[in-house]
Amino acid sequence: MEYRYIGKSGLRVSPICLGTMTFGSSADKKESFKIMDKAYERGVNFFDTAELYPVPPKASWAGETEKIVGEWLKQKPRDSMIIASKVAGAANGWFVPPIRHGLTAIDRFHIKRAVEGSLKRLQTDYIDLYQVHWPDMIVPIEEALEVFDELIKEGKIRYIGTSNDTAYGLTKANEVAKCKGYKRFESIQNNFSLLNRRFLDSIKEVCQRESISLLPYSPLAGGVLSGKYNSEYIDPKARFAWYMAQDNPRIKAQVQRFVNDKTLASTKEYLKIAKKYNISLVTLSIAWSKQFDFVASTIIGARRSKQLDETLAAMDLTLDKEILKECDTVHQEILYPMG
């Protein structure tokens, strides 16, 4: 097993991380345990969750994922795993999270409330990597970094990271941390896949120059890179098939971003490459996302344990230069399919 360090931290993780956002919604507790057991047995030591999970976000569901992970975690040696969680982003951001009455912010009060809640649900006394789920555009980052630093000194969290952030946001936060003597963000968790290469435009350079790790999420572009949306029959239970039937304008916009003419055309070409090299497109997509020097661990997810077979097959797979070149050609011909 190849283990990688997250940033300049002491966190040594498997190249595949198990995301848990389906636990408590599309995967019940029994199936969630099977998924975690299978990943752990295959050598995955890194698990990512959040106070807001499962998805889609609902007030009645929030926190259920951490409870399931916490029950499972009690059965395993705690120090054998790296557990990551997140404080919900600010309500002034891209949507209002259905927790703490929709008044969330990345400030002292909400960070402290979130950490204490996560520790209780996870049934542990520390979180290895604690992340901002998305930035706060109002509260100065100094306040968050100060309280994160206090929590690190208290031993409740070990390291910190950010998510859904920009090159500016990541750089500003870490320069403030440097000036104030606080612990910095060691990681950034952003959307990154064959269909969404935006990270390569600017944030990549920050990560490479500053030794900050990307933890890519949605390496299958929400399941689009499985090829299931290119089929004549689309399972109505599929994520975006279900989203298409919703009235929520934010959800409808998300569908259009992930499932459109350009993403389906790109996927069609990637399917040809996968077939040519006798490899599953799912496996190819995961392997592609983890081969960059600034990536510590790629986050995968599942609704059923059997879905892990193709994703975990990428754990020890290294794509050769010819496959990577052919994938790049697809992107050059169909630029930025997700916008």
Protein backbone atom coordinates (compact mmCIF):
# COMPACT_ATOMS: atom_id res chain seq x y z
CA MET A 1 0.00 0.00 0.00
CA GLU A 2 1.26 3.45 -0.98
CA TYR A 3 0.57 6.04 1.70
CA ARG A 4 0.84 9.77 1.12
CA TYR A 5 1.16 12.73 3.47
CA ILE A 6 -1.43 15.48 3.48
CA GLY A 7 0.43 18.76 2.99
CA LYS A 8 3.15 19.20 5.59
CA SER A 9 1.12 17.37 8.23
CA GLY A 10 1.75 14.08 9.95
CA LEU A 11 -1.38 12.59 8.38
CA ARG A 12 -0.36 9.58 6.26
CA VAL A 13 -3.29 8.42 4.15
CA SER A 14 -4.25 5.85 1.55
CA PRO A 15 -4.48 7.20 -2.03
CA ILE A 16 -8.22 6.51 -1.90
CA CYS A 17 -10.45 8.13 0.74
CA LEU A 18 -13.95 6.89 1.47
CA GLY A 19 -16.54 9.66 1.34
CA THR A 20 -19.63 9.03 3.45
CA MET A 21 -22.25 11.52 2.28
CA THR A 22 -24.68 8.73 1.25
CA PHE A 23 -24.76 7.18 4.72
CA GLY A 24 -28.19 7.71 6.25
CA SER A 25 -29.95 8.63 3.02
CA SER A 26 -29.32 6.39 -0.01
CA ALA A 27 -27.38 3.88 2.12
CA ASP A 28 -28.88 2.65 5.40
CA LYS A 29 -26.75 1.81 8.43
CA LYS A 30 -26.34 -1.86 7.55
CA GLU A 31 -25.17 -1.09 4.01
CA SER A 32 -22.98 1.76 5.26
CA PHE A 33 -21.20 -0.64 7.61
CA LYS A 34 -20.63 -3.05 4.69
CA ILE A 35 -19.18 -0.23 2.60
CA MET A 36 -16.82 0.90 5.37
CA ASP A 37 -15.77 -2.67 6.20
CA LYS A 38 -14.94 -3.41 2.57
CA ALA A 39 -12.91 -0.22 2.14
CA TYR A 40 -11.05 -0.77 5.43
CA GLU A 41 -10.24 -4.37 4.55
CA ARG A 42 -8.80 -3.21 1.22
CA GLY A 43 -6.44 -0.82 2.99
CA VAL A 44 -8.38 2.45 2.99
CA ASN A 45 -7.48 4.30 6.21
CA PHE A 46 -8.98 7.70 5.35
CA PHE A 47 -12.69 8.50 5.86
CA ASP A 48 -14.33 11.85 5.11
CA THR A 49 -17.61 13.10 6.56
CA ALA A 50 -19.31 16.37 7.59
CA GLU A 51 -21.78 17.69 10.13
CA LEU A 52 -24.19 18.44 7.27
CA TYR A 53 -24.26 14.90 5.82
CA PRO A 54 -26.05 12.94 4.44
CA VAL A 55 -27.13 14.46 1.14
CA PRO A 56 -29.34 15.85 -0.15
CA PRO A 57 -29.20 18.18 2.88
CA LYS A 58 -32.24 18.00 5.15
CA ALA A 59 -32.76 19.30 8.67
CA SER A 60 -34.10 15.89 9.72
CA TRP A 61 -31.03 14.08 8.33
CA ALA A 62 -28.17 16.38 9.35
CA GLY A 63 -25.67 14.56 11.56
CA GLU A 64 -26.93 11.05 10.76
CA THR A 65 -23.85 10.22 8.71
CA GLU A 66 -21.48 11.05 11.56
CA LYS A 67 -23.58 8.92 13.92
CA ILE A 68 -23.27 5.92 11.59
CA VAL A 69 -19.53 6.45 11.14
CA GLY A 70 -19.16 6.85 14.90
CA GLU A 71 -20.89 3.54 15.66
CA TRP A 72 -18.69 1.77 13.12
CA LEU A 73 -15.56 3.55 14.34
CA LYS A 74 -16.01 2.16 17.85
CA GLN A 75 -15.40 -1.34 16.47
CA LYS A 76 -11.99 -0.47 15.02
CA PRO A 77 -8.64 0.72 16.43
CA ARG A 78 -9.09 4.49 16.39
CA ASP A 79 -5.44 5.25 15.68
CA SER A 80 -5.51 3.06 12.57
CA MET A 81 -7.72 5.58 10.78
CA ILE A 82 -7.61 9.19 9.65
CA ILE A 83 -11.04 10.77 10.16
CA ALA A 84 -11.95 14.04 8.45
CA SER A 85 -15.04 16.13 9.03
CA LYS A 86 -16.29 19.63 8.21
CA VAL A 87 -18.05 22.61 9.70
CA ALA A 88 -20.95 23.72 7.49
CA GLY A 89 -20.18 26.77 5.40
CA ALA A 90 -21.72 30.18 5.83
CA ALA A 91 -25.39 30.82 5.10
CA ASN A 92 -24.27 33.78 2.96
CA GLY A 93 -22.73 31.34 0.49
CA TRP A 94 -24.11 29.22 -2.34
CA PHE A 95 -26.98 27.85 -0.23
CA VAL A 96 -28.39 28.02 3.28
CA PRO A 97 -27.55 24.83 5.20
CA PRO A 98 -30.49 23.35 7.14
CA ILE A 99 -28.71 23.33 10.49
CA ARG A 100 -28.55 25.81 13.38
CA HIS A 101 -31.69 27.41 11.93
CA GLY A 102 -29.94 28.46 8.73
CA LEU A 103 -27.72 31.00 10.51
CA THR A 104 -24.36 29.31 10.02
CA ALA A 105 -21.12 31.25 9.75
CA ILE A 106 -17.43 30.41 9.92
CA ASP A 107 -16.99 32.17 13.24
CA ARG A 108 -16.03 31.19 16.78
CA PHE A 109 -19.54 30.25 17.89
CA HIS A 110 -20.39 28.00 14.95
CA ILE A 111 -16.99 26.34 14.73
CA LYS A 112 -17.06 25.43 18.42
CA ARG A 113 -20.64 24.17 18.18
CA ALA A 114 -19.83 22.14 15.09
CA VAL A 115 -16.70 20.51 16.52
CA GLU A 116 -18.37 19.52 19.77
CA GLY A 117 -21.32 18.07 17.87
CA SER A 118 -19.11 16.09 15.50
CA LEU A 119 -16.97 14.68 18.32
CA LYS A 120 -20.09 13.48 20.12
CA ARG A 121 -21.64 11.87 17.05
CA LEU A 122 -18.35 10.29 15.95
CA GLN A 123 -17.80 8.97 19.50
CA THR A 124 -14.17 10.05 19.46
CA ASP A 125 -12.10 12.63 21.33
CA TYR A 126 -10.30 14.01 18.28
CA ILE A 127 -10.74 14.64 14.56
CA ASP A 128 -7.65 14.21 12.40
CA LEU A 129 -8.52 16.72 9.68
CA TYR A 130 -11.14 19.40 10.26
CA GLN A 131 -12.28 21.37 7.22
CA VAL A 132 -14.33 24.43 6.30
CA HIS A 133 -17.07 23.04 4.04
CA TRP A 134 -17.17 26.25 2.01
CA PRO A 135 -15.84 29.76 2.70
CA ASP A 136 -17.47 32.63 4.55
CA MET A 137 -17.44 35.84 2.50
CA ILE A 138 -18.32 38.07 5.46
CA VAL A 139 -16.47 36.95 8.61
CA PRO A 140 -12.70 37.63 8.41
CA ILE A 141 -10.67 34.42 8.16
CA GLU A 142 -8.60 35.53 11.18
CA GLU A 143 -11.43 34.57 13.54
CA ALA A 144 -11.72 31.05 12.17
CA LEU A 145 -7.96 30.45 12.18
CA GLU A 146 -7.69 31.64 15.78
CA VAL A 147 -10.34 29.22 17.05
CA PHE A 148 -8.96 26.36 14.91
CA ASP A 149 -5.57 26.98 16.49
CA GLU A 150 -7.09 26.81 19.96
CA LEU A 151 -8.86 23.53 19.12
CA ILE A 152 -5.58 22.07 17.86
CA LYS A 153 -3.85 23.03 21.11
CA GLU A 154 -6.73 21.43 23.04
CA GLY A 155 -6.21 18.20 21.09
CA LYS A 156 -9.74 18.15 19.65
CA ILE A 157 -8.51 18.45 16.08
CA ARG A 158 -5.07 17.71 14.64
CA TYR A 159 -4.92 19.62 11.36
CA ILE A 160 -7.17 21.87 9.30
CA GLY A 161 -8.20 22.20 5.67
CA THR A 162 -10.61 24.07 3.42
CA SER A 163 -13.10 23.02 0.75
CA ASN A 164 -14.75 24.55 -2.31
CA ASP A 165 -12.24 27.37 -2.11
CA THR A 166 -10.31 29.51 -4.57
CA ALA A 167 -6.64 30.26 -5.14
CA TYR A 168 -7.19 33.63 -3.49
CA GLY A 169 -9.06 32.18 -0.51
CA LEU A 170 -6.47 29.48 0.15
CA THR A 171 -3.54 31.88 -0.23
CA LYS A 172 -5.12 34.60 1.91
CA ALA A 173 -5.92 32.16 4.72
CA ASN A 174 -2.45 30.68 4.83
CA GLU A 175 -0.72 34.05 4.66
CA VAL A 176 -2.84 35.21 7.61
CA ALA A 177 -1.93 32.01 9.48
CA LYS A 178 1.75 32.64 8.79
CA CYS A 179 1.57 36.24 10.01
CA LYS A 180 -0.42 35.37 13.14
CA GLY A 181 1.50 32.20 13.99
CA TYR A 182 -1.56 29.97 13.58
CA LYS A 183 -1.72 26.52 12.02
CA ARG A 184 -2.40 26.70 8.29
CA PHE A 185 -4.70 24.83 5.92
CA GLU A 186 -2.86 21.66 4.90
CA SER A 187 -5.45 20.60 2.34
CA ILE A 188 -8.14 21.80 0.00
CA GLN A 189 -11.09 19.61 -1.00
CA ASN A 190 -12.46 20.71 -4.38
CA ASN A 191 -14.41 19.20 -7.27
CA PHE A 192 -11.90 17.66 -9.71
CA SER A 193 -12.38 15.11 -12.46
CA LEU A 194 -11.87 14.35 -16.13
CA LEU A 195 -14.96 16.50 -16.73
CA ASN A 196 -13.90 19.32 -14.41
CA ARG A 197 -10.24 20.33 -14.70
CA ARG A 198 -10.70 23.89 -13.43
CA PHE A 199 -8.39 23.18 -10.48
CA LEU A 200 -5.48 23.01 -12.91
CA ASP A 201 -5.98 26.63 -14.00
CA SER A 202 -4.70 28.38 -10.88
CA ILE A 203 -5.09 26.54 -7.57
CA LYS A 204 -2.72 23.78 -8.69
CA GLU A 205 0.20 26.21 -8.62
CA VAL A 206 -0.62 27.30 -5.07
CA CYS A 207 -0.70 23.68 -3.92
CA GLN A 208 2.56 22.76 -5.64
CA ARG A 209 4.49 25.82 -4.46
CA GLU A 210 3.18 25.69 -0.89
CA SER A 211 3.01 21.90 -0.40
CA ILE A 212 -0.75 21.87 0.15
CA SER A 213 -2.67 18.74 -0.83
CA LEU A 214 -5.76 18.50 -2.97
CA LEU A 215 -8.34 15.96 -1.84
CA PRO A 216 -10.43 15.66 -5.02
CA TYR A 217 -14.12 14.98 -4.58
CA SER A 218 -16.57 13.84 -7.25
CA PRO A 219 -13.87 12.17 -9.40
CA LEU A 220 -16.73 10.47 -11.28
CA ALA A 221 -18.46 13.82 -11.82
CA GLY A 222 -21.43 12.80 -9.71
CA GLY A 223 -21.58 9.41 -11.45
CA VAL A 224 -21.61 10.81 -14.99
CA LEU A 225 -18.24 9.15 -15.66
CA SER A 226 -19.76 5.75 -14.97
CA GLY A 227 -21.43 6.18 -18.36
CA LYS A 228 -24.91 5.56 -16.97
CA TYR A 229 -26.29 8.84 -18.33
CA ASN A 230 -25.08 7.88 -21.81
CA SER A 231 -27.36 4.85 -21.81
CA GLU A 232 -30.78 4.73 -23.46
CA TYR A 233 -32.30 3.74 -20.12
CA ILE A 234 -31.45 5.86 -17.09
CA ASP A 235 -32.31 4.40 -13.71
CA PRO A 236 -34.79 6.82 -12.06
CA LYS A 237 -32.95 6.21 -8.79
CA ALA A 238 -29.72 7.58 -10.25
CA ARG A 239 -28.65 10.81 -8.55
CA PHE A 240 -29.26 13.26 -11.38
CA ALA A 241 -32.31 11.41 -12.65
CA TRP A 242 -33.81 11.97 -9.22
CA TYR A 243 -32.59 15.60 -9.16
CA MET A 244 -34.23 16.25 -12.53
CA ALA A 245 -37.63 15.56 -10.97
CA GLN A 246 -37.13 18.16 -8.21
CA ASP A 247 -38.51 21.70 -8.24
CA ASN A 248 -35.56 23.25 -6.40
CA PRO A 249 -33.85 25.69 -8.84
CA ARG A 250 -30.42 25.13 -7.22
CA ILE A 251 -30.71 21.38 -7.77
CA LYS A 252 -31.88 21.87 -11.36
CA ALA A 253 -28.86 24.10 -12.02
CA GLN A 254 -26.59 21.39 -10.60
CA VAL A 255 -28.11 18.84 -12.99
CA GLN A 256 -27.42 21.10 -15.96
CA ARG A 257 -23.82 21.54 -14.89
CA PHE A 258 -23.16 17.82 -14.59
CA VAL A 259 -25.42 16.37 -17.28
CA ASN A 260 -25.31 18.35 -20.52
CA ASP A 261 -24.36 17.86 -24.16
CA LYS A 262 -20.66 18.51 -23.54
CA THR A 263 -20.31 16.23 -20.49
CA LEU A 264 -22.13 13.40 -22.28
CA ALA A 265 -20.03 13.88 -25.43
CA SER A 266 -16.82 13.84 -23.37
CA THR A 267 -17.93 10.76 -21.46
CA LYS A 268 -18.65 8.99 -24.74
CA GLU A 269 -15.02 9.56 -25.80
CA TYR A 270 -13.63 8.50 -22.42
CA LEU A 271 -15.70 5.30 -22.68
CA LYS A 272 -13.93 4.55 -25.96
CA ILE A 273 -10.53 5.01 -24.31
CA ALA A 274 -11.51 2.78 -21.40
CA LYS A 275 -12.71 0.07 -23.79
CA LYS A 276 -9.54 0.33 -25.87
CA TYR A 277 -7.37 -0.37 -22.83
CA ASN A 278 -9.77 -2.94 -21.36
CA ILE A 279 -10.40 -0.97 -18.19
CA SER A 280 -13.57 0.29 -16.55
CA LEU A 281 -14.16 4.01 -17.08
CA VAL A 282 -14.88 4.25 -13.35
CA THR A 283 -11.45 2.80 -12.55
CA LEU A 284 -9.76 4.95 -15.18
CA SER A 285 -11.39 8.13 -13.85
CA ILE A 286 -10.36 7.47 -10.25
CA ALA A 287 -6.81 6.55 -11.30
CA TRP A 288 -6.56 9.73 -13.39
CA SER A 289 -7.55 11.97 -10.49
CA LYS A 290 -5.00 10.52 -8.05
CA GLN A 291 -1.95 10.67 -10.32
CA PHE A 292 -1.15 14.35 -9.87
CA ASP A 293 1.74 15.27 -7.60
CA PHE A 294 -0.41 17.67 -5.56
CA VAL A 295 -3.11 15.05 -4.80
CA ALA A 296 -2.90 13.21 -1.48
CA SER A 297 -6.06 11.11 -1.67
CA THR A 298 -9.05 10.93 -4.01
CA ILE A 299 -12.47 10.79 -2.34
CA ILE A 300 -14.86 8.12 -3.60
CA GLY A 301 -18.40 7.32 -2.50
CA ALA A 302 -20.90 4.50 -2.78
CA ARG A 303 -24.53 3.63 -2.16
CA ARG A 304 -23.83 -0.13 -2.25
CA SER A 305 -20.72 -2.04 -1.23
CA LYS A 306 -20.47 -3.75 -4.63
CA GLN A 307 -19.87 -0.34 -6.22
CA LEU A 308 -16.47 -0.26 -4.52
CA ASP A 309 -15.06 -3.00 -6.74
CA GLU A 310 -14.39 -0.66 -9.67
CA THR A 311 -13.34 2.35 -7.59
CA LEU A 312 -10.95 0.46 -5.32
CA ALA A 313 -9.40 -1.18 -8.39
CA ALA A 314 -7.77 2.22 -8.98
CA MET A 315 -5.91 2.06 -5.66
CA ASP A 316 -2.74 0.55 -7.10
CA LEU A 317 -3.28 1.46 -10.75
CA THR A 318 -0.95 3.88 -12.52
CA LEU A 319 -2.05 5.04 -15.96
CA ASP A 320 0.66 5.15 -18.62
CA LYS A 321 1.55 8.26 -20.61
CA GLU A 322 -0.36 7.14 -23.70
CA ILE A 323 -3.69 6.86 -21.85
CA LEU A 324 -3.12 10.22 -20.16
CA LYS A 325 -2.33 11.80 -23.53
CA GLU A 326 -5.54 10.44 -25.05
CA CYS A 327 -7.55 11.78 -22.11
CA ASP A 328 -5.95 15.19 -22.58
CA THR A 329 -6.92 15.13 -26.24
CA VAL A 330 -10.58 14.67 -25.33
CA HIS A 331 -10.39 17.71 -23.06
CA GLN A 332 -8.69 19.79 -25.76
CA GLU A 333 -11.46 18.95 -28.19
CA ILE A 334 -14.30 19.53 -25.68
CA LEU A 335 -13.03 22.21 -23.31
CA TYR A 336 -14.51 22.60 -19.82
CA PRO A 337 -17.67 20.50 -20.26
CA MET A 338 -18.84 21.44 -16.76
CA GLY A 339 -18.30 25.12 -17.44
